[in-house]
């Protein structure tokens, strides 16, 4: 059986570290919004729930854009 070695240390410059921090902050917001949807208050009106769904969609879009920025920047460094 062959052992597989994973490269866990990638060269990162200051900009990539900054982009990753921004992405992580977006992920925290995404998890918080998802938690509000998973465990809503019993008295939460439908309109408020739908607003939370819309907010989560927008946060996820923002999060995906930030991860794409990290990916693009990393590819510029590597290539």
PDB file of N, CA and C in Angstrom:
ATOM      1  N   UNK A   1       0.840  -1.171   0.000  1.00  0.00           N
ATOM      2  CA  UNK A   1       0.000   0.000   0.000  1.00  0.00           C
ATOM      3  C   UNK A   1       0.893   1.244   0.000  1.00  0.00           C
ATOM      4  N   UNK A   2       0.578   2.188  -0.869  1.00  0.00           N
ATOM      5  CA  UNK A   2       1.352   3.426  -0.958  1.00  0.00           C
ATOM      6  C   UNK A   2       0.792   4.465   0.001  1.00  0.00           C
ATOM      7  N   UNK A   3       1.687   5.225   0.570  1.00  0.00           N
ATOM      8  CA  UNK A   3       1.294   6.314   1.436  1.00  0.00           C
ATOM      9  C   UNK A   3       1.080   7.562   0.591  1.00  0.00           C
ATOM     10  N   UNK A   4       0.035   8.274   0.873  1.00  0.00           N
ATOM     11  CA  UNK A   4      -0.264   9.502   0.147  1.00  0.00           C
ATOM     12  C   UNK A   4       0.102  10.679   1.034  1.00  0.00           C
ATOM     13  N   UNK A   5       0.912  11.566   0.517  1.00  0.00           N
ATOM     14  CA  UNK A   5       1.321  12.749   1.258  1.00  0.00           C
ATOM     15  C   UNK A   5       0.539  13.942   0.736  1.00  0.00           C
ATOM     16  N   UNK A   6      -0.077  14.645   1.639  1.00  0.00           N
ATOM     17  CA  UNK A   6      -0.808  15.850   1.268  1.00  0.00           C
ATOM     18  C   UNK A   6       0.045  17.060   1.567  1.00  0.00           C
ATOM     19  N   UNK A   7       0.047  17.999   0.657  1.00  0.00           N
ATOM     20  CA  UNK A   7       0.779  19.247   0.874  1.00  0.00           C
ATOM     21  C   UNK A   7      -0.146  20.209   1.605  1.00  0.00           C
ATOM     22  N   UNK A   8       0.126  20.428   2.851  1.00  0.00           N
ATOM     23  CA  UNK A   8      -0.731  21.298   3.653  1.00  0.00           C
ATOM     24  C   UNK A   8      -0.170  22.701   3.788  1.00  0.00           C
ATOM     25  N   UNK A   9       1.075  22.885   3.434  1.00  0.00           N
ATOM     26  CA  UNK A   9       1.654  24.222   3.519  1.00  0.00           C
ATOM     27  C   UNK A   9       1.843  24.763   2.110  1.00  0.00           C
ATOM     28  N   UNK A  10       1.032  25.706   1.784  1.00  0.00           N
ATOM     29  CA  UNK A  10       1.113  26.356   0.483  1.00  0.00           C
ATOM     30  C   UNK A  10       1.702  27.742   0.692  1.00  0.00           C
ATOM     31  N   UNK A  11       2.433  28.199  -0.301  1.00  0.00           N
ATOM     32  CA  UNK A  11       2.977  29.545  -0.177  1.00  0.00           C
ATOM     33  C   UNK A  11       1.843  30.554  -0.327  1.00  0.00           C
ATOM     34  N   UNK A  12       1.729  31.438   0.648  1.00  0.00           N
ATOM     35  CA  UNK A  12       0.681  32.451   0.622  1.00  0.00           C
ATOM     36  C   UNK A  12       1.309  33.810   0.868  1.00  0.00           C
ATOM     37  N   UNK A  13       0.899  34.753   0.067  1.00  0.00           N
ATOM     38  CA  UNK A  13       1.379  36.111   0.290  1.00  0.00           C
ATOM     39  C   UNK A  13       0.375  36.857   1.181  1.00  0.00           C
ATOM     40  N   UNK A  14       0.699  38.094   1.506  1.00  0.00           N
ATOM     41  CA  UNK A  14      -0.144  38.881   2.413  1.00  0.00           C
ATOM     42  C   UNK A  14      -1.550  39.085   1.849  1.00  0.00           C
ATOM     43  N   UNK A  15      -1.649  39.283   0.540  1.00  0.00           N
ATOM     44  CA  UNK A  15      -2.957  39.510  -0.072  1.00  0.00           C
ATOM     45  C   UNK A  15      -3.820  38.264   0.029  1.00  0.00           C
ATOM     46  N   UNK A  16      -3.248  37.111  -0.184  1.00  0.00           N
ATOM     47  CA  UNK A  16      -4.026  35.887  -0.084  1.00  0.00           C
ATOM     48  C   UNK A  16      -4.479  35.644   1.358  1.00  0.00           C
ATOM     49  N   UNK A  17      -3.630  35.939   2.305  1.00  0.00           N
ATOM     50  CA  UNK A  17      -3.995  35.813   3.719  1.00  0.00           C
ATOM     51  C   UNK A  17      -5.146  36.754   4.043  1.00  0.00           C
ATOM     52  N   UNK A  18      -5.076  37.976   3.515  1.00  0.00           N
ATOM     53  CA  UNK A  18      -6.153  38.948   3.729  1.00  0.00           C
ATOM     54  C   UNK A  18      -7.450  38.459   3.110  1.00  0.00           C
ATOM     55  N   UNK A  19      -7.370  37.936   1.870  1.00  0.00           N
ATOM     56  CA  UNK A  19      -8.564  37.425   1.197  1.00  0.00           C
ATOM     57  C   UNK A  19      -9.165  36.242   1.959  1.00  0.00           C
ATOM     58  N   UNK A  20      -8.313  35.387   2.490  1.00  0.00           N
ATOM     59  CA  UNK A  20      -8.806  34.254   3.272  1.00  0.00           C
ATOM     60  C   UNK A  20      -9.500  34.721   4.549  1.00  0.00           C
ATOM     61  N   UNK A  21      -8.978  35.753   5.184  1.00  0.00           N
ATOM     62  CA  UNK A  21      -9.610  36.289   6.394  1.00  0.00           C
ATOM     63  C   UNK A  21     -10.984  36.874   6.073  1.00  0.00           C
ATOM     64  N   UNK A  22     -11.086  37.569   4.952  1.00  0.00           N
ATOM     65  CA  UNK A  22     -12.369  38.135   4.528  1.00  0.00           C
ATOM     66  C   UNK A  22     -13.354  36.999   4.234  1.00  0.00           C
ATOM     67  N   UNK A  23     -12.874  35.952   3.586  1.00  0.00           N
ATOM     68  CA  UNK A  23     -13.716  34.796   3.292  1.00  0.00           C
ATOM     69  C   UNK A  23     -14.190  34.130   4.579  1.00  0.00           C
ATOM     70  N   UNK A  24     -13.301  33.956   5.529  1.00  0.00           N
ATOM     71  CA  UNK A  24     -13.673  33.320   6.798  1.00  0.00           C
ATOM     72  C   UNK A  24     -14.730  34.137   7.533  1.00  0.00           C
ATOM     73  N   UNK A  25     -14.622  35.450   7.486  1.00  0.00           N
ATOM     74  CA  UNK A  25     -15.632  36.305   8.117  1.00  0.00           C
ATOM     75  C   UNK A  25     -16.986  36.121   7.428  1.00  0.00           C
ATOM     76  N   UNK A  26     -16.979  35.989   6.110  1.00  0.00           N
ATOM     77  CA  UNK A  26     -18.220  35.750   5.371  1.00  0.00           C
ATOM     78  C   UNK A  26     -18.814  34.393   5.747  1.00  0.00           C
ATOM     79  N   UNK A  27     -17.961  33.392   5.950  1.00  0.00           N
ATOM     80  CA  UNK A  27     -18.435  32.061   6.342  1.00  0.00           C
ATOM     81  C   UNK A  27     -19.088  32.095   7.726  1.00  0.00           C
ATOM     82  N   UNK A  28     -18.539  32.898   8.625  1.00  0.00           N
ATOM     83  CA  UNK A  28     -19.140  33.031   9.954  1.00  0.00           C
ATOM     84  C   UNK A  28     -20.546  33.625   9.823  1.00  0.00           C
ATOM     85  N   UNK A  29     -20.690  34.658   8.990  1.00  0.00           N
ATOM     86  CA  UNK A  29     -22.011  35.263   8.766  1.00  0.00           C
ATOM     87  C   UNK A  29     -22.963  34.241   8.143  1.00  0.00           C
ATOM     88  N   UNK A  30     -22.446  33.422   7.211  1.00  0.00           N
ATOM     89  CA  UNK A  30     -23.279  32.412   6.566  1.00  0.00           C
ATOM     90  C   UNK A  30     -23.772  31.381   7.587  1.00  0.00           C
ATOM     91  N   UNK A  31     -22.891  30.928   8.449  1.00  0.00           N
ATOM     92  CA  UNK A  31     -23.284  29.944   9.458  1.00  0.00           C
ATOM     93  C   UNK A  31     -24.302  30.524  10.441  1.00  0.00           C
ATOM     94  N   UNK A  32     -24.121  31.778  10.793  1.00  0.00           N
ATOM     95  CA  UNK A  32     -25.068  32.425  11.703  1.00  0.00           C
ATOM     96  C   UNK A  32     -26.448  32.539  11.056  1.00  0.00           C
ATOM     97  N   UNK A  33     -26.480  32.928   9.784  1.00  0.00           N
ATOM     98  CA  UNK A  33     -27.758  33.051   9.075  1.00  0.00           C
ATOM     99  C   UNK A  33     -28.427  31.688   8.920  1.00  0.00           C
ATOM    100  N   UNK A  34     -27.646  30.666   8.619  1.00  0.00           N
ATOM    101  CA  UNK A  34     -28.204  29.324   8.492  1.00  0.00           C
ATOM    102  C   UNK A  34     -28.760  28.850   9.837  1.00  0.00           C
ATOM    103  N   UNK A  35     -28.085  29.172  10.915  1.00  0.00           N
ATOM    104  CA  UNK A  35     -28.573  28.814  12.242  1.00  0.00           C
ATOM    105  C   UNK A  35     -29.894  29.477  12.571  1.00  0.00           C
ATOM    106  N   UNK A  36     -30.039  30.742  12.174  1.00  0.00           N
ATOM    107  CA  UNK A  36     -31.312  31.432  12.407  1.00  0.00           C
ATOM    108  C   UNK A  36     -32.442  30.766  11.640  1.00  0.00           C
ATOM    109  N   UNK A  37     -32.137  30.207  10.454  1.00  0.00           N
ATOM    110  CA  UNK A  37     -33.166  29.511   9.680  1.00  0.00           C
ATOM    111  C   UNK A  37     -33.454  28.120  10.241  1.00  0.00           C
ATOM    112  N   UNK A  38     -32.436  27.444  10.693  1.00  0.00           N
ATOM    113  CA  UNK A  38     -32.633  26.095  11.225  1.00  0.00           C
ATOM    114  C   UNK A  38     -33.389  26.103  12.549  1.00  0.00           C
ATOM    115  N   UNK A  39     -33.162  27.123  13.341  1.00  0.00           N
ATOM    116  CA  UNK A  39     -33.781  27.208  14.665  1.00  0.00           C
ATOM    117  C   UNK A  39     -34.511  28.543  14.823  1.00  0.00           C
ATOM    118  N   UNK A  40     -35.573  28.741  14.041  1.00  0.00           N
ATOM    119  CA  UNK A  40     -36.296  30.017  14.132  1.00  0.00           C
ATOM    120  C   UNK A  40     -37.119  30.081  15.424  1.00  0.00           C
ATOM    121  N   UNK A  41     -37.444  31.302  15.813  1.00  0.00           N
ATOM    122  CA  UNK A  41     -38.330  31.488  16.957  1.00  0.00           C
ATOM    123  C   UNK A  41     -39.705  30.957  16.578  1.00  0.00           C
ATOM    124  N   UNK A  42     -40.417  30.440  17.547  1.00  0.00           N
ATOM    125  CA  UNK A  42     -41.757  29.896  17.270  1.00  0.00           C
ATOM    126  C   UNK A  42     -42.700  30.945  16.718  1.00  0.00           C
ATOM    127  N   UNK A  43     -42.517  32.171  17.138  1.00  0.00           N
ATOM    128  CA  UNK A  43     -43.430  33.238  16.727  1.00  0.00           C
ATOM    129  C   UNK A  43     -42.944  34.002  15.499  1.00  0.00           C
ATOM    130  N   UNK A  44     -41.947  33.463  14.791  1.00  0.00           N
ATOM    131  CA  UNK A  44     -41.391  34.156  13.624  1.00  0.00           C
ATOM    132  C   UNK A  44     -42.415  34.150  12.488  1.00  0.00           C
ATOM    133  N   UNK A  45     -42.859  35.329  12.050  1.00  0.00           N
ATOM    134  CA  UNK A  45     -43.821  35.384  10.952  1.00  0.00           C
ATOM    135  C   UNK A  45     -43.195  34.877   9.641  1.00  0.00           C
ATOM    136  N   UNK A  46     -44.052  34.421   8.767  1.00  0.00           N
ATOM    137  CA  UNK A  46     -43.587  33.875   7.485  1.00  0.00           C
ATOM    138  C   UNK A  46     -42.781  34.903   6.707  1.00  0.00           C
ATOM    139  N   UNK A  47     -43.214  36.152   6.707  1.00  0.00           N
ATOM    140  CA  UNK A  47     -42.500  37.199   5.956  1.00  0.00           C
ATOM    141  C   UNK A  47     -41.078  37.385   6.501  1.00  0.00           C
ATOM    142  N   UNK A  48     -40.927  37.316   7.810  1.00  0.00           N
ATOM    143  CA  UNK A  48     -39.594  37.447   8.410  1.00  0.00           C
ATOM    144  C   UNK A  48     -38.734  36.237   8.053  1.00  0.00           C
ATOM    145  N   UNK A  49     -39.342  35.057   8.052  1.00  0.00           N
ATOM    146  CA  UNK A  49     -38.610  33.840   7.677  1.00  0.00           C
ATOM    147  C   UNK A  49     -38.136  33.941   6.228  1.00  0.00           C
ATOM    148  N   UNK A  50     -38.991  34.413   5.333  1.00  0.00           N
ATOM    149  CA  UNK A  50     -38.613  34.562   3.923  1.00  0.00           C
ATOM    150  C   UNK A  50     -37.499  35.592   3.751  1.00  0.00           C
ATOM    151  N   UNK A  51     -37.508  36.638   4.590  1.00  0.00           N
ATOM    152  CA  UNK A  51     -36.412  37.608   4.562  1.00  0.00           C
ATOM    153  C   UNK A  51     -35.102  36.955   4.969  1.00  0.00           C
ATOM    154  N   UNK A  52     -35.156  36.084   5.986  1.00  0.00           N
ATOM    155  CA  UNK A  52     -33.958  35.359   6.407  1.00  0.00           C
ATOM    156  C   UNK A  52     -33.440  34.457   5.291  1.00  0.00           C
ATOM    157  N   UNK A  53     -34.352  33.819   4.568  1.00  0.00           N
ATOM    158  CA  UNK A  53     -33.953  32.974   3.436  1.00  0.00           C
ATOM    159  C   UNK A  53     -33.250  33.828   2.388  1.00  0.00           C
ATOM    160  N   UNK A  54     -33.818  34.984   2.082  1.00  0.00           N
ATOM    161  CA  UNK A  54     -33.214  35.882   1.103  1.00  0.00           C
ATOM    162  C   UNK A  54     -31.850  36.370   1.578  1.00  0.00           C
ATOM    163  N   UNK A  55     -31.760  36.710   2.856  1.00  0.00           N
ATOM    164  CA  UNK A  55     -30.473  37.152   3.418  1.00  0.00           C
ATOM    165  C   UNK A  55     -29.418  36.060   3.297  1.00  0.00           C
ATOM    166  N   UNK A  56     -29.806  34.816   3.609  1.00  0.00           N
ATOM    167  CA  UNK A  56     -28.863  33.706   3.514  1.00  0.00           C
ATOM    168  C   UNK A  56     -28.395  33.513   2.071  1.00  0.00           C
ATOM    169  N   UNK A  57     -29.299  33.633   1.133  1.00  0.00           N
ATOM    170  CA  UNK A  57     -28.908  33.512  -0.276  1.00  0.00           C
ATOM    171  C   UNK A  57     -27.888  34.579  -0.663  1.00  0.00           C
ATOM    172  N   UNK A  58     -28.110  35.801  -0.224  1.00  0.00           N
ATOM    173  CA  UNK A  58     -27.191  36.891  -0.552  1.00  0.00           C
ATOM    174  C   UNK A  58     -25.834  36.678   0.137  1.00  0.00           C
ATOM    175  N   UNK A  59     -25.864  36.224   1.386  1.00  0.00           N
ATOM    176  CA  UNK A  59     -24.621  35.972   2.109  1.00  0.00           C
ATOM    177  C   UNK A  59     -23.844  34.847   1.446  1.00  0.00           C
ATOM    178  N   UNK A  60     -24.541  33.791   1.013  1.00  0.00           N
ATOM    179  CA  UNK A  60     -23.867  32.677   0.335  1.00  0.00           C
ATOM    180  C   UNK A  60     -23.254  33.127  -0.985  1.00  0.00           C
ATOM    181  N   UNK A  61     -23.957  33.979  -1.705  1.00  0.00           N
ATOM    182  CA  UNK A  61     -23.409  34.507  -2.959  1.00  0.00           C
ATOM    183  C   UNK A  61     -22.141  35.303  -2.671  1.00  0.00           C
ATOM    184  N   UNK A  62     -22.185  36.149  -1.661  1.00  0.00           N
ATOM    185  CA  UNK A  62     -21.022  36.940  -1.266  1.00  0.00           C
ATOM    186  C   UNK A  62     -19.868  36.029  -0.854  1.00  0.00           C
ATOM    187  N   UNK A  63     -20.179  35.005  -0.100  1.00  0.00           N
ATOM    188  CA  UNK A  63     -19.164  34.058   0.368  1.00  0.00           C
ATOM    189  C   UNK A  63     -18.512  33.342  -0.822  1.00  0.00           C
ATOM    190  N   UNK A  64     -19.333  32.915  -1.774  1.00  0.00           N
ATOM    191  CA  UNK A  64     -18.794  32.248  -2.965  1.00  0.00           C
ATOM    192  C   UNK A  64     -17.902  33.181  -3.780  1.00  0.00           C
ATOM    193  N   UNK A  65     -18.292  34.450  -3.874  1.00  0.00           N
ATOM    194  CA  UNK A  65     -17.467  35.416  -4.597  1.00  0.00           C
ATOM    195  C   UNK A  65     -16.121  35.627  -3.898  1.00  0.00           C
ATOM    196  N   UNK A  66     -16.141  35.637  -2.591  1.00  0.00           N
ATOM    197  CA  UNK A  66     -14.891  35.822  -1.839  1.00  0.00           C
ATOM    198  C   UNK A  66     -13.979  34.604  -1.998  1.00  0.00           C
ATOM    199  N   UNK A  67     -14.561  33.400  -2.021  1.00  0.00           N
ATOM    200  CA  UNK A  67     -13.747  32.204  -2.223  1.00  0.00           C
ATOM    201  C   UNK A  67     -13.189  32.191  -3.637  1.00  0.00           C
ATOM    202  N   UNK A  68     -13.951  32.641  -4.597  1.00  0.00           N
ATOM    203  CA  UNK A  68     -13.468  32.745  -5.974  1.00  0.00           C
ATOM    204  C   UNK A  68     -12.304  33.722  -6.053  1.00  0.00           C
ATOM    205  N   UNK A  69     -12.379  34.825  -5.329  1.00  0.00           N
ATOM    206  CA  UNK A  69     -11.277  35.795  -5.310  1.00  0.00           C
ATOM    207  C   UNK A  69     -10.010  35.164  -4.746  1.00  0.00           C
ATOM    208  N   UNK A  70     -10.156  34.358  -3.697  1.00  0.00           N
ATOM    209  CA  UNK A  70      -8.996  33.652  -3.140  1.00  0.00           C
ATOM    210  C   UNK A  70      -8.412  32.713  -4.182  1.00  0.00           C
ATOM    211  N   UNK A  71      -9.268  31.965  -4.838  1.00  0.00           N
ATOM    212  CA  UNK A  71      -8.827  30.994  -5.846  1.00  0.00           C
ATOM    213  C   UNK A  71      -8.107  31.684  -7.007  1.00  0.00           C
ATOM    214  N   UNK A  72      -8.671  32.758  -7.512  1.00  0.00           N
ATOM    215  CA  UNK A  72      -8.062  33.492  -8.626  1.00  0.00           C
ATOM    216  C   UNK A  72      -6.708  34.055  -8.212  1.00  0.00           C
ATOM    217  N   UNK A  73      -6.635  34.627  -7.038  1.00  0.00           N
ATOM    218  CA  UNK A  73      -5.376  35.201  -6.569  1.00  0.00           C
ATOM    219  C   UNK A  73      -4.318  34.116  -6.403  1.00  0.00           C
ATOM    220  N   UNK A  74      -4.721  32.995  -5.821  1.00  0.00           N
ATOM    221  CA  UNK A  74      -3.773  31.891  -5.624  1.00  0.00           C
ATOM    222  C   UNK A  74      -3.253  31.379  -6.968  1.00  0.00           C
ATOM    223  N   UNK A  75      -4.125  31.270  -7.950  1.00  0.00           N
ATOM    224  CA  UNK A  75      -3.703  30.824  -9.272  1.00  0.00           C
ATOM    225  C   UNK A  75      -2.735  31.792  -9.925  1.00  0.00           C
ATOM    226  N   UNK A  76      -2.895  33.080  -9.656  1.00  0.00           N
ATOM    227  CA  UNK A  76      -1.960  34.076 -10.198  1.00  0.00           C
ATOM    228  C   UNK A  76      -0.565  33.875  -9.597  1.00  0.00           C
ATOM    229  N   UNK A  77      -0.537  33.528  -8.307  1.00  0.00           N
ATOM    230  CA  UNK A  77       0.740  33.326  -7.626  1.00  0.00           C
ATOM    231  C   UNK A  77       1.419  32.063  -8.144  1.00  0.00           C
ATOM    232  N   UNK A  78       0.657  30.982  -8.254  1.00  0.00           N
ATOM    233  CA  UNK A  78       1.210  29.681  -8.612  1.00  0.00           C
ATOM    234  C   UNK A  78       1.633  29.651 -10.082  1.00  0.00           C
ATOM    235  N   UNK A  79       0.846  30.248 -10.922  1.00  0.00           N
ATOM    236  CA  UNK A  79       1.136  30.183 -12.379  1.00  0.00           C
ATOM    237  C   UNK A  79       1.970  31.313 -12.851  1.00  0.00           C
TER     238      UNK A  79
END
